[in-house]
Amino acid sequence: MDIMRQKLKGFKDTLVFGLSMLSPSNIRKQIRELKQKTYPELFVGFFKLFFYMFYYTGYFGVYLIKSVRHGTYLFVKKHLLKHCKHFFYVKDISSAFCFP
């Protein structure tokens, strides 16, 4: 139960931090900071933004695909394969064969 509270608190803190970044006063402050930057700093920041955006989008996509695939495997193993007498598992779930 303690682990669940920690995870919930971490999620809540992350959500509060994300919403505070979108507050009008913080946006005004960030615009003031952007106006003080030089062109090379803006150029580097622009490309860092796009690099991290694509990196974390790809990372999340891989995580999501792995999670869905693992969940599908567990579902098939638990619910569908209990009716099979002979089950041949070859490398991954897409090439699994069930003979009743």
Protein backbone atom coordinates (compact mmCIF):
# COMPACT_ATOMS: atom_id res chain seq x y z
CA MET A 1 0.00 0.00 0.00
CA ASP A 2 2.90 2.31 0.75
CA ILE A 3 4.30 1.83 -2.76
CA MET A 4 0.91 2.74 -4.24
CA ARG A 5 0.82 5.97 -2.22
CA GLN A 6 4.33 6.87 -3.38
CA LYS A 7 3.40 6.28 -7.03
CA LEU A 8 0.20 8.29 -6.64
CA LYS A 9 2.07 11.16 -4.95
CA GLY A 10 4.70 11.13 -7.72
CA PHE A 11 1.98 11.26 -10.37
CA LYS A 12 0.23 14.11 -8.55
CA ASP A 13 3.48 16.07 -8.20
CA THR A 14 4.23 15.62 -11.89
CA LEU A 15 0.75 16.76 -12.84
CA VAL A 16 0.96 19.84 -10.60
CA PHE A 17 4.40 20.71 -12.02
CA GLY A 18 3.13 20.34 -15.60
CA LEU A 19 0.11 22.54 -14.94
CA SER A 20 2.25 25.17 -13.19
CA MET A 21 4.42 25.38 -16.32
CA LEU A 22 1.31 26.44 -18.25
CA SER A 23 0.32 29.22 -15.86
CA PRO A 24 0.08 32.71 -17.41
CA SER A 25 2.75 34.16 -15.11
CA ASN A 26 5.22 31.41 -16.02
CA ILE A 27 4.52 31.87 -19.74
CA ARG A 28 5.18 35.62 -19.45
CA LYS A 29 8.43 34.90 -17.59
CA GLN A 30 9.58 32.45 -20.27
CA ILE A 31 8.79 34.95 -23.04
CA ARG A 32 10.91 37.58 -21.25
CA GLU A 33 13.77 35.07 -21.03
CA LEU A 34 13.43 34.20 -24.73
CA LYS A 35 13.68 37.88 -25.71
CA GLN A 36 17.05 38.11 -23.90
CA LYS A 37 18.61 35.19 -25.82
CA THR A 38 20.91 35.60 -28.81
CA TYR A 39 20.20 34.06 -32.22
CA PRO A 40 22.68 31.17 -31.79
CA GLU A 41 21.08 30.29 -28.43
CA LEU A 42 17.62 30.31 -30.03
CA PHE A 43 18.91 28.16 -32.91
CA VAL A 44 20.41 25.54 -30.56
CA GLY A 45 17.32 25.59 -28.34
CA PHE A 46 15.05 25.07 -31.33
CA PHE A 47 16.93 21.97 -32.46
CA LYS A 48 17.21 20.62 -28.92
CA LEU A 49 13.45 20.98 -28.60
CA PHE A 50 12.82 18.96 -31.75
CA PHE A 51 15.45 16.34 -30.87
CA TYR A 52 13.95 15.69 -27.44
CA MET A 53 10.42 15.79 -28.82
CA PHE A 54 11.20 13.04 -31.36
CA TYR A 55 13.35 11.09 -28.89
CA TYR A 56 10.72 10.90 -26.18
CA THR A 57 7.90 10.31 -28.66
CA GLY A 58 9.83 7.33 -30.03
CA TYR A 59 10.70 6.10 -26.55
CA PHE A 60 7.04 6.27 -25.50
CA GLY A 61 6.00 4.47 -28.70
CA VAL A 62 8.42 1.60 -28.05
CA TYR A 63 7.27 1.37 -24.43
CA LEU A 64 3.63 1.32 -25.51
CA ILE A 65 4.19 -1.35 -28.15
CA LYS A 66 6.10 -3.55 -25.70
CA SER A 67 3.41 -3.17 -23.05
CA VAL A 68 0.56 -3.95 -25.43
CA ARG A 69 2.42 -6.91 -26.90
CA HIS A 70 3.22 -8.32 -23.46
CA GLY A 71 -0.38 -7.81 -22.33
CA THR A 72 -1.65 -9.56 -25.46
CA TYR A 73 0.71 -12.47 -24.84
CA LEU A 74 -0.50 -12.83 -21.25
CA PHE A 75 -4.14 -12.68 -22.36
CA VAL A 76 -3.61 -15.35 -25.01
CA LYS A 77 -1.67 -17.53 -22.61
CA LYS A 78 -4.26 -17.26 -19.84
CA HIS A 79 -7.56 -17.35 -21.73
CA LEU A 80 -7.12 -18.84 -25.17
CA LEU A 81 -4.47 -21.51 -24.73
CA LYS A 82 -6.15 -23.36 -21.88
CA HIS A 83 -8.35 -25.10 -24.47
CA CYS A 84 -5.37 -26.36 -26.49
CA LYS A 85 -3.94 -29.85 -26.02
CA HIS A 86 -0.84 -29.17 -28.06
CA PHE A 87 0.70 -25.74 -28.25
CA PHE A 88 3.77 -24.92 -30.29
CA TYR A 89 5.39 -21.59 -29.49
CA VAL A 90 7.82 -20.38 -32.12
CA LYS A 91 9.81 -17.22 -31.35
CA ASP A 92 6.86 -14.85 -30.88
CA ILE A 93 3.11 -14.87 -30.40
CA SER A 94 2.38 -14.18 -34.08
CA SER A 95 3.76 -17.59 -35.04
CA ALA A 96 2.13 -19.63 -32.28
CA PHE A 97 0.09 -22.67 -33.28
CA CYS A 98 -2.70 -24.35 -31.34
CA PHE A 99 -4.10 -27.74 -32.23
CA PRO A 100 -7.19 -28.83 -30.24
